[in-house]
Structure formats: C-alpha cells, structure tokens
C-alpha cells in the first residue's frame, strides 16, 4: 500500500521536481544560456514520461527562463547583452518607485520583515552559494516592494528581479573576485535605514545607486570574460 501511495505522490509532483531542478540549474548557470533542453533526454534523466517534463518547460517559459524555437526545440533563454540597457532602465524605475513607496508607507511590521530579509541575505553571502544569495537578494527587495503597498508595481518589480537573477550571479562573481562583496550588504543596510527614517529622497537615491552598481559591474564582468566589445548602451541616468 505504501508503495502505491508513494507512486501516486511522485506522479502528481513529477513536473514540480523537474521544474525546481531545472530552474535552479538555469539560475546557477549550470545549464548555460542557449543549452538545448530535449524532452526525451530530460525524461530519461528524471526517469519519467515526457508529459511532466513538458509541463515543467511550459512553466519555465512563463518565467522567461527557457525559449521555444520555431522548430519546437526548447533552449535555455539567452542572456541578451544587447537588450541589457533597456532591462536595467526598467529595473531602475521599478526599484526606485518601490523603495520610495516603502519609505513613505512602511509600517513597523514591514520594517521587521525587511530587517529579517537583510539578515537572511547576509547569511547567504557567507555561504558563497550564488543561488542562495540571489534568492535572498530577491526576497529582501520584495519585502521592500510589499512595504510600498502597490501590488502592481511589486509584481512588475518581481518579474524584473526574476529575469535578472542569472545576471546577478555574474555580478556576484565579479564582486568576489574584486573583493567588493561587502558593498551589497552595506547598501542594503543603508536602504533599510532610509526606509526606517521615512527619508523618501534618500531611499530613492540609494535605490538608483544600487541599480547603477549592478549595471557597471555586470558590464565589466562581461567585457573581461566574454567579449572585447560590449557596448554600454544607454546608461542609467544619474541625478
């Protein structure tokens, strides 16, 4: 009887296991951009039929982590350096708006959650595991977004953060190599203090600087490791 129950449980959650595993591997760049994801090969790897594999790929496509080509092949979504300036422009707007709103509208309960998420991020940084660091970073910024009390802006921000997690891993690599890893935890603490003080302009300034640091370090990493001709494109405007 227990074997039958276990079999039903595995069948019912099969796609979730495939989804969670592939998502982690894509975000950690274990599965590199452009990698072919063959349903048959994946079905063999996970020892299941192609249906749950297909369901997992559909859900990953919904997060823009995989792309289905015209010939119906599925690949890990490329990291498009050419579109990075537009991405970071949108990120800057979302990050600043959500942080401004948090500074204006946060409650004491919100502050406790943001502070807890910052402690979680500091703990993740000590592990040097990029996947834990990127997830903890996202949760810190989403705690700020929720404190801003605008579900539409928070949802937009979350989608951008999800799309940027792989680029954030490259950012982490750059910071580790240059010894500037402390900057992230320090910047988060400054943002928390500005929100605590309800200093809207300071919170805006810090959010903007946070985006600019991510942009500059990511592009430096790409220049040093992948190409000799990465264009900066449109920079995040300084104010």
C-alpha atoms as a PDB file:
ATOM      1  CA  UNK A   1       0.000   0.000   0.000  1.00  0.00           C
ATOM      2  CA  UNK A   2       2.789   2.434   0.916  1.00  0.00           C
ATOM      3  CA  UNK A   3       4.472   1.778  -2.457  1.00  0.00           C
ATOM      4  CA  UNK A   4       1.235   2.685  -4.262  1.00  0.00           C
ATOM      5  CA  UNK A   5       0.874   5.908  -2.260  1.00  0.00           C
ATOM      6  CA  UNK A   6       4.474   6.862  -2.966  1.00  0.00           C
ATOM      7  CA  UNK A   7       3.998   6.169  -6.683  1.00  0.00           C
ATOM      8  CA  UNK A   8       0.921   8.419  -6.796  1.00  0.00           C
ATOM      9  CA  UNK A   9       2.774  11.158  -4.952  1.00  0.00           C
ATOM     10  CA  UNK A  10       5.697  11.026  -7.379  1.00  0.00           C
ATOM     11  CA  UNK A  11       3.377  11.075 -10.379  1.00  0.00           C
ATOM     12  CA  UNK A  12       1.466  14.024  -9.008  1.00  0.00           C
ATOM     13  CA  UNK A  13       4.551  16.090  -8.233  1.00  0.00           C
ATOM     14  CA  UNK A  14       6.794  14.894 -11.049  1.00  0.00           C
ATOM     15  CA  UNK A  15       6.657  18.138 -13.027  1.00  0.00           C
ATOM     16  CA  UNK A  16       7.455  20.131  -9.861  1.00  0.00           C
ATOM     17  CA  UNK A  17      10.640  18.145  -9.275  1.00  0.00           C
ATOM     18  CA  UNK A  18      11.736  18.701 -12.875  1.00  0.00           C
ATOM     19  CA  UNK A  19      10.790  22.381 -12.685  1.00  0.00           C
ATOM     20  CA  UNK A  20      12.613  23.014  -9.398  1.00  0.00           C
ATOM     21  CA  UNK A  21      15.744  21.182 -10.542  1.00  0.00           C
ATOM     22  CA  UNK A  22      15.964  22.835 -13.966  1.00  0.00           C
ATOM     23  CA  UNK A  23      15.124  26.273 -12.563  1.00  0.00           C
ATOM     24  CA  UNK A  24      17.937  26.006 -10.016  1.00  0.00           C
ATOM     25  CA  UNK A  25      20.389  24.818 -12.674  1.00  0.00           C
ATOM     26  CA  UNK A  26      19.400  27.614 -15.073  1.00  0.00           C
ATOM     27  CA  UNK A  27      19.669  30.330 -12.414  1.00  0.00           C
ATOM     28  CA  UNK A  28      23.021  28.968 -11.213  1.00  0.00           C
ATOM     29  CA  UNK A  29      24.229  28.852 -14.853  1.00  0.00           C
ATOM     30  CA  UNK A  30      24.901  25.119 -14.530  1.00  0.00           C
ATOM     31  CA  UNK A  31      22.685  24.944 -17.595  1.00  0.00           C
ATOM     32  CA  UNK A  32      24.211  27.741 -19.696  1.00  0.00           C
ATOM     33  CA  UNK A  33      22.262  30.161 -21.913  1.00  0.00           C
ATOM     34  CA  UNK A  34      21.420  28.526 -25.233  1.00  0.00           C
ATOM     35  CA  UNK A  35      21.638  24.957 -23.887  1.00  0.00           C
ATOM     36  CA  UNK A  36      19.249  22.597 -25.695  1.00  0.00           C
ATOM     37  CA  UNK A  37      16.630  21.045 -23.413  1.00  0.00           C
ATOM     38  CA  UNK A  38      15.490  17.880 -25.134  1.00  0.00           C
ATOM     39  CA  UNK A  39      12.280  16.415 -23.693  1.00  0.00           C
ATOM     40  CA  UNK A  40      13.303  12.821 -24.344  1.00  0.00           C
ATOM     41  CA  UNK A  41      16.715  13.257 -22.748  1.00  0.00           C
ATOM     42  CA  UNK A  42      15.198  15.012 -19.744  1.00  0.00           C
ATOM     43  CA  UNK A  43      12.546  12.304 -19.387  1.00  0.00           C
ATOM     44  CA  UNK A  44      15.320   9.725 -19.249  1.00  0.00           C
ATOM     45  CA  UNK A  45      17.294  11.794 -16.766  1.00  0.00           C
ATOM     46  CA  UNK A  46      14.352  12.157 -14.378  1.00  0.00           C
ATOM     47  CA  UNK A  47      13.053   8.652 -15.092  1.00  0.00           C
ATOM     48  CA  UNK A  48       9.549   9.728 -16.034  1.00  0.00           C
ATOM     49  CA  UNK A  49       7.349  10.295 -19.072  1.00  0.00           C
ATOM     50  CA  UNK A  50       7.644  13.367 -21.289  1.00  0.00           C
ATOM     51  CA  UNK A  51       4.358  14.896 -20.048  1.00  0.00           C
ATOM     52  CA  UNK A  52       5.658  16.209 -16.681  1.00  0.00           C
ATOM     53  CA  UNK A  53       8.857  17.345 -18.417  1.00  0.00           C
ATOM     54  CA  UNK A  54       6.776  19.300 -20.931  1.00  0.00           C
ATOM     55  CA  UNK A  55       4.725  20.841 -18.096  1.00  0.00           C
ATOM     56  CA  UNK A  56       7.918  21.928 -16.322  1.00  0.00           C
ATOM     57  CA  UNK A  57       9.262  23.518 -19.518  1.00  0.00           C
ATOM     58  CA  UNK A  58       5.988  25.394 -20.061  1.00  0.00           C
ATOM     59  CA  UNK A  59       6.228  26.856 -16.560  1.00  0.00           C
ATOM     60  CA  UNK A  60       9.868  27.802 -17.065  1.00  0.00           C
ATOM     61  CA  UNK A  61       8.897  29.514 -20.324  1.00  0.00           C
ATOM     62  CA  UNK A  62       6.339  31.527 -18.361  1.00  0.00           C
ATOM     63  CA  UNK A  63       9.248  32.905 -16.313  1.00  0.00           C
ATOM     64  CA  UNK A  64      11.292  33.640 -19.464  1.00  0.00           C
ATOM     65  CA  UNK A  65      13.936  31.125 -18.393  1.00  0.00           C
ATOM     66  CA  UNK A  66      13.532  28.918 -21.482  1.00  0.00           C
ATOM     67  CA  UNK A  67      12.580  29.702 -25.063  1.00  0.00           C
ATOM     68  CA  UNK A  68      10.762  27.525 -27.597  1.00  0.00           C
ATOM     69  CA  UNK A  69      12.204  27.915 -31.089  1.00  0.00           C
ATOM     70  CA  UNK A  70      10.310  27.791 -34.387  1.00  0.00           C
ATOM     71  CA  UNK A  71      11.266  24.122 -34.837  1.00  0.00           C
ATOM     72  CA  UNK A  72       9.708  23.422 -31.393  1.00  0.00           C
ATOM     73  CA  UNK A  73      13.065  22.807 -29.754  1.00  0.00           C
ATOM     74  CA  UNK A  74      13.472  24.326 -26.311  1.00  0.00           C
ATOM     75  CA  UNK A  75      16.645  26.057 -25.138  1.00  0.00           C
ATOM     76  CA  UNK A  76      17.752  27.885 -22.017  1.00  0.00           C
ATOM     77  CA  UNK A  77      16.941  31.544 -22.630  1.00  0.00           C
ATOM     78  CA  UNK A  78      19.982  33.524 -23.827  1.00  0.00           C
ATOM     79  CA  UNK A  79      21.295  36.434 -21.776  1.00  0.00           C
ATOM     80  CA  UNK A  80      20.931  39.247 -24.285  1.00  0.00           C
ATOM     81  CA  UNK A  81      23.679  41.765 -23.643  1.00  0.00           C
ATOM     82  CA  UNK A  82      22.291  43.996 -26.400  1.00  0.00           C
ATOM     83  CA  UNK A  83      18.993  44.404 -24.540  1.00  0.00           C
ATOM     84  CA  UNK A  84      20.635  44.855 -21.127  1.00  0.00           C
ATOM     85  CA  UNK A  85      20.430  48.691 -21.183  1.00  0.00           C
ATOM     86  CA  UNK A  86      16.636  48.508 -21.632  1.00  0.00           C
ATOM     87  CA  UNK A  87      16.371  45.902 -18.901  1.00  0.00           C
ATOM     88  CA  UNK A  88      18.381  47.925 -16.407  1.00  0.00           C
ATOM     89  CA  UNK A  89      16.419  51.068 -17.310  1.00  0.00           C
ATOM     90  CA  UNK A  90      13.188  49.291 -16.348  1.00  0.00           C
ATOM     91  CA  UNK A  91      14.812  47.834 -13.230  1.00  0.00           C
ATOM     92  CA  UNK A  92      15.941  51.280 -12.133  1.00  0.00           C
ATOM     93  CA  UNK A  93      12.427  52.723 -12.428  1.00  0.00           C
ATOM     94  CA  UNK A  94      10.834  49.782 -10.584  1.00  0.00           C
ATOM     95  CA  UNK A  95      13.485  49.698  -7.875  1.00  0.00           C
ATOM     96  CA  UNK A  96      13.265  53.412  -7.194  1.00  0.00           C
ATOM     97  CA  UNK A  97       9.462  53.568  -7.202  1.00  0.00           C
ATOM     98  CA  UNK A  98       9.040  50.602  -4.860  1.00  0.00           C
ATOM     99  CA  UNK A  99      11.748  51.844  -2.498  1.00  0.00           C
ATOM    100  CA  UNK A 100      10.283  55.365  -2.437  1.00  0.00           C
ATOM    101  CA  UNK A 101       6.841  53.995  -1.619  1.00  0.00           C
ATOM    102  CA  UNK A 102       8.283  51.780   1.119  1.00  0.00           C
ATOM    103  CA  UNK A 103       9.951  54.786   2.728  1.00  0.00           C
ATOM    104  CA  UNK A 104       6.682  56.697   2.636  1.00  0.00           C
ATOM    105  CA  UNK A 105       4.266  53.962   3.673  1.00  0.00           C
ATOM    106  CA  UNK A 106       6.154  51.316   5.660  1.00  0.00           C
ATOM    107  CA  UNK A 107       4.791  50.069   8.976  1.00  0.00           C
ATOM    108  CA  UNK A 108       6.740  48.737  11.945  1.00  0.00           C
ATOM    109  CA  UNK A 109       5.744  45.236  10.875  1.00  0.00           C
ATOM    110  CA  UNK A 110       7.166  45.924   7.402  1.00  0.00           C
ATOM    111  CA  UNK A 111      10.461  47.078   8.926  1.00  0.00           C
ATOM    112  CA  UNK A 112      10.792  43.849  10.889  1.00  0.00           C
ATOM    113  CA  UNK A 113      10.292  41.798   7.736  1.00  0.00           C
ATOM    114  CA  UNK A 114      12.776  43.872   5.701  1.00  0.00           C
ATOM    115  CA  UNK A 115      15.352  43.623   8.501  1.00  0.00           C
ATOM    116  CA  UNK A 116      14.830  39.847   8.697  1.00  0.00           C
ATOM    117  CA  UNK A 117      15.298  39.508   4.938  1.00  0.00           C
ATOM    118  CA  UNK A 118      18.517  41.531   5.167  1.00  0.00           C
ATOM    119  CA  UNK A 119      19.848  39.196   7.878  1.00  0.00           C
ATOM    120  CA  UNK A 120      18.935  36.259   5.628  1.00  0.00           C
ATOM    121  CA  UNK A 121      20.882  37.867   2.785  1.00  0.00           C
ATOM    122  CA  UNK A 122      23.935  38.421   4.983  1.00  0.00           C
ATOM    123  CA  UNK A 123      23.814  34.746   5.992  1.00  0.00           C
ATOM    124  CA  UNK A 124      23.522  33.709   2.339  1.00  0.00           C
ATOM    125  CA  UNK A 125      26.546  35.846   1.382  1.00  0.00           C
ATOM    126  CA  UNK A 126      28.636  33.935   3.935  1.00  0.00           C
ATOM    127  CA  UNK A 127      27.817  30.649   2.179  1.00  0.00           C
ATOM    128  CA  UNK A 128      29.241  31.904  -1.162  1.00  0.00           C
ATOM    129  CA  UNK A 129      26.446  29.932  -2.860  1.00  0.00           C
ATOM    130  CA  UNK A 130      25.207  32.209  -5.606  1.00  0.00           C
ATOM    131  CA  UNK A 131      21.772  30.625  -5.879  1.00  0.00           C
ATOM    132  CA  UNK A 132      21.108  31.237  -2.175  1.00  0.00           C
ATOM    133  CA  UNK A 133      22.478  34.753  -2.490  1.00  0.00           C
ATOM    134  CA  UNK A 134      20.323  35.684  -5.484  1.00  0.00           C
ATOM    135  CA  UNK A 135      17.172  34.262  -3.899  1.00  0.00           C
ATOM    136  CA  UNK A 136      17.858  36.058  -0.606  1.00  0.00           C
ATOM    137  CA  UNK A 137      18.554  39.281  -2.508  1.00  0.00           C
ATOM    138  CA  UNK A 138      15.235  38.956  -4.306  1.00  0.00           C
ATOM    139  CA  UNK A 139      13.364  38.352  -1.046  1.00  0.00           C
ATOM    140  CA  UNK A 140      14.957  41.450   0.521  1.00  0.00           C
ATOM    141  CA  UNK A 141      13.879  43.678  -2.350  1.00  0.00           C
ATOM    142  CA  UNK A 142      10.410  42.118  -2.484  1.00  0.00           C
ATOM    143  CA  UNK A 143       9.971  42.809   1.237  1.00  0.00           C
ATOM    144  CA  UNK A 144      10.625  46.457   0.374  1.00  0.00           C
ATOM    145  CA  UNK A 145       8.147  46.272  -2.514  1.00  0.00           C
ATOM    146  CA  UNK A 146       5.425  44.810  -0.294  1.00  0.00           C
ATOM    147  CA  UNK A 147       6.030  47.620   2.197  1.00  0.00           C
ATOM    148  CA  UNK A 148       5.213  50.050  -0.633  1.00  0.00           C
ATOM    149  CA  UNK A 149       1.622  48.772  -0.741  1.00  0.00           C
ATOM    150  CA  UNK A 150       1.288  48.798  -4.554  1.00  0.00           C
ATOM    151  CA  UNK A 151       0.676  45.279  -5.841  1.00  0.00           C
ATOM    152  CA  UNK A 152       1.029  46.297  -9.496  1.00  0.00           C
ATOM    153  CA  UNK A 153       4.454  47.854  -9.044  1.00  0.00           C
ATOM    154  CA  UNK A 154       5.539  44.977  -6.808  1.00  0.00           C
ATOM    155  CA  UNK A 155       4.504  42.417  -9.430  1.00  0.00           C
ATOM    156  CA  UNK A 156       6.372  44.266 -12.182  1.00  0.00           C
ATOM    157  CA  UNK A 157       9.446  44.516  -9.939  1.00  0.00           C
ATOM    158  CA  UNK A 158       9.346  40.811  -9.098  1.00  0.00           C
ATOM    159  CA  UNK A 159       9.275  39.853 -12.764  1.00  0.00           C
ATOM    160  CA  UNK A 160      12.329  42.012 -13.425  1.00  0.00           C
ATOM    161  CA  UNK A 161      14.162  40.542 -10.449  1.00  0.00           C
ATOM    162  CA  UNK A 162      13.377  37.028 -11.689  1.00  0.00           C
ATOM    163  CA  UNK A 163      14.675  37.861 -15.151  1.00  0.00           C
ATOM    164  CA  UNK A 164      17.849  39.323 -13.709  1.00  0.00           C
ATOM    165  CA  UNK A 165      18.840  36.503 -11.365  1.00  0.00           C
ATOM    166  CA  UNK A 166      21.302  34.906 -13.804  1.00  0.00           C
ATOM    167  CA  UNK A 167      22.941  38.251 -14.465  1.00  0.00           C
ATOM    168  CA  UNK A 168      23.140  38.760 -10.707  1.00  0.00           C
ATOM    169  CA  UNK A 169      25.194  35.566 -10.454  1.00  0.00           C
ATOM    170  CA  UNK A 170      27.763  37.084 -12.801  1.00  0.00           C
ATOM    171  CA  UNK A 171      27.648  40.233 -10.663  1.00  0.00           C
ATOM    172  CA  UNK A 172      28.413  38.108  -7.585  1.00  0.00           C
ATOM    173  CA  UNK A 173      31.389  36.545  -9.359  1.00  0.00           C
ATOM    174  CA  UNK A 174      32.754  39.986 -10.153  1.00  0.00           C
ATOM    175  CA  UNK A 175      32.329  41.201  -6.570  1.00  0.00           C
ATOM    176  CA  UNK A 176      34.020  38.103  -5.164  1.00  0.00           C
ATOM    177  CA  UNK A 177      36.972  38.448  -7.486  1.00  0.00           C
ATOM    178  CA  UNK A 178      37.426  42.162  -6.803  1.00  0.00           C
ATOM    179  CA  UNK A 179      36.857  41.888  -3.061  1.00  0.00           C
ATOM    180  CA  UNK A 180      33.889  44.270  -3.115  1.00  0.00           C
ATOM    181  CA  UNK A 181      31.304  41.789  -1.857  1.00  0.00           C
ATOM    182  CA  UNK A 182      30.695  43.838   1.278  1.00  0.00           C
ATOM    183  CA  UNK A 183      29.122  46.559  -0.868  1.00  0.00           C
ATOM    184  CA  UNK A 184      25.876  44.650  -1.291  1.00  0.00           C
ATOM    185  CA  UNK A 185      25.213  44.114   2.406  1.00  0.00           C
ATOM    186  CA  UNK A 186      26.251  47.692   3.193  1.00  0.00           C
ATOM    187  CA  UNK A 187      23.949  49.115   0.505  1.00  0.00           C
ATOM    188  CA  UNK A 188      21.049  47.011   1.753  1.00  0.00           C
ATOM    189  CA  UNK A 189      21.599  48.279   5.300  1.00  0.00           C
ATOM    190  CA  UNK A 190      21.625  51.883   4.093  1.00  0.00           C
ATOM    191  CA  UNK A 191      18.374  51.316   2.190  1.00  0.00           C
ATOM    192  CA  UNK A 192      16.795  49.795   5.282  1.00  0.00           C
ATOM    193  CA  UNK A 193      17.835  52.780   7.403  1.00  0.00           C
ATOM    194  CA  UNK A 194      16.454  55.272   4.874  1.00  0.00           C
ATOM    195  CA  UNK A 195      13.138  53.403   4.848  1.00  0.00           C
ATOM    196  CA  UNK A 196      13.146  53.268   8.635  1.00  0.00           C
ATOM    197  CA  UNK A 197      13.679  57.055   8.757  1.00  0.00           C
ATOM    198  CA  UNK A 198      10.949  57.597   6.146  1.00  0.00           C
ATOM    199  CA  UNK A 199      13.504  59.522   4.105  1.00  0.00           C
ATOM    200  CA  UNK A 200      11.939  59.165   0.653  1.00  0.00           C
ATOM    201  CA  UNK A 201      14.597  61.097  -1.268  1.00  0.00           C
ATOM    202  CA  UNK A 202      17.469  59.224   0.373  1.00  0.00           C
ATOM    203  CA  UNK A 203      15.765  55.898  -0.306  1.00  0.00           C
ATOM    204  CA  UNK A 204      15.340  56.890  -3.961  1.00  0.00           C
ATOM    205  CA  UNK A 205      18.993  57.912  -4.219  1.00  0.00           C
ATOM    206  CA  UNK A 206      20.207  54.625  -2.716  1.00  0.00           C
ATOM    207  CA  UNK A 207      17.944  52.514  -4.924  1.00  0.00           C
ATOM    208  CA  UNK A 208      19.265  54.307  -8.002  1.00  0.00           C
ATOM    209  CA  UNK A 209      22.893  53.839  -6.909  1.00  0.00           C
ATOM    210  CA  UNK A 210      22.174  50.153  -6.249  1.00  0.00           C
ATOM    211  CA  UNK A 211      20.965  49.695  -9.826  1.00  0.00           C
ATOM    212  CA  UNK A 212      23.915  51.593 -11.241  1.00  0.00           C
ATOM    213  CA  UNK A 213      26.399  49.457  -9.323  1.00  0.00           C
ATOM    214  CA  UNK A 214      24.781  46.275 -10.655  1.00  0.00           C
ATOM    215  CA  UNK A 215      24.870  47.653 -14.201  1.00  0.00           C
ATOM    216  CA  UNK A 216      28.502  48.720 -14.108  1.00  0.00           C
ATOM    217  CA  UNK A 217      29.824  45.541 -12.511  1.00  0.00           C
ATOM    218  CA  UNK A 218      27.842  43.262 -14.816  1.00  0.00           C
ATOM    219  CA  UNK A 219      29.174  45.005 -17.908  1.00  0.00           C
ATOM    220  CA  UNK A 220      32.741  44.929 -16.572  1.00  0.00           C
ATOM    221  CA  UNK A 221      32.395  41.202 -15.967  1.00  0.00           C
ATOM    222  CA  UNK A 222      31.081  40.618 -19.479  1.00  0.00           C
ATOM    223  CA  UNK A 223      33.898  42.629 -21.037  1.00  0.00           C
ATOM    224  CA  UNK A 224      36.543  40.719 -19.108  1.00  0.00           C
ATOM    225  CA  UNK A 225      35.128  37.248 -19.641  1.00  0.00           C
ATOM    226  CA  UNK A 226      33.009  37.018 -22.786  1.00  0.00           C
ATOM    227  CA  UNK A 227      33.769  39.719 -25.296  1.00  0.00           C
ATOM    228  CA  UNK A 228      36.098  42.567 -26.087  1.00  0.00           C
ATOM    229  CA  UNK A 229      33.319  44.794 -27.405  1.00  0.00           C
ATOM    230  CA  UNK A 230      30.358  45.076 -25.052  1.00  0.00           C
ATOM    231  CA  UNK A 231      28.593  48.382 -25.603  1.00  0.00           C
ATOM    232  CA  UNK A 232      27.342  50.250 -22.547  1.00  0.00           C
ATOM    233  CA  UNK A 233      24.289  51.356 -24.483  1.00  0.00           C
ATOM    234  CA  UNK A 234      22.026  53.788 -22.656  1.00  0.00           C
ATOM    235  CA  UNK A 235      23.317  54.211 -19.109  1.00  0.00           C
ATOM    236  CA  UNK A 236      21.069  54.624 -16.149  1.00  0.00           C
ATOM    237  CA  UNK A 237      20.826  58.397 -15.866  1.00  0.00           C
ATOM    238  CA  UNK A 238      22.476  59.925 -12.851  1.00  0.00           C
ATOM    239  CA  UNK A 239      20.512  62.532 -10.989  1.00  0.00           C
END
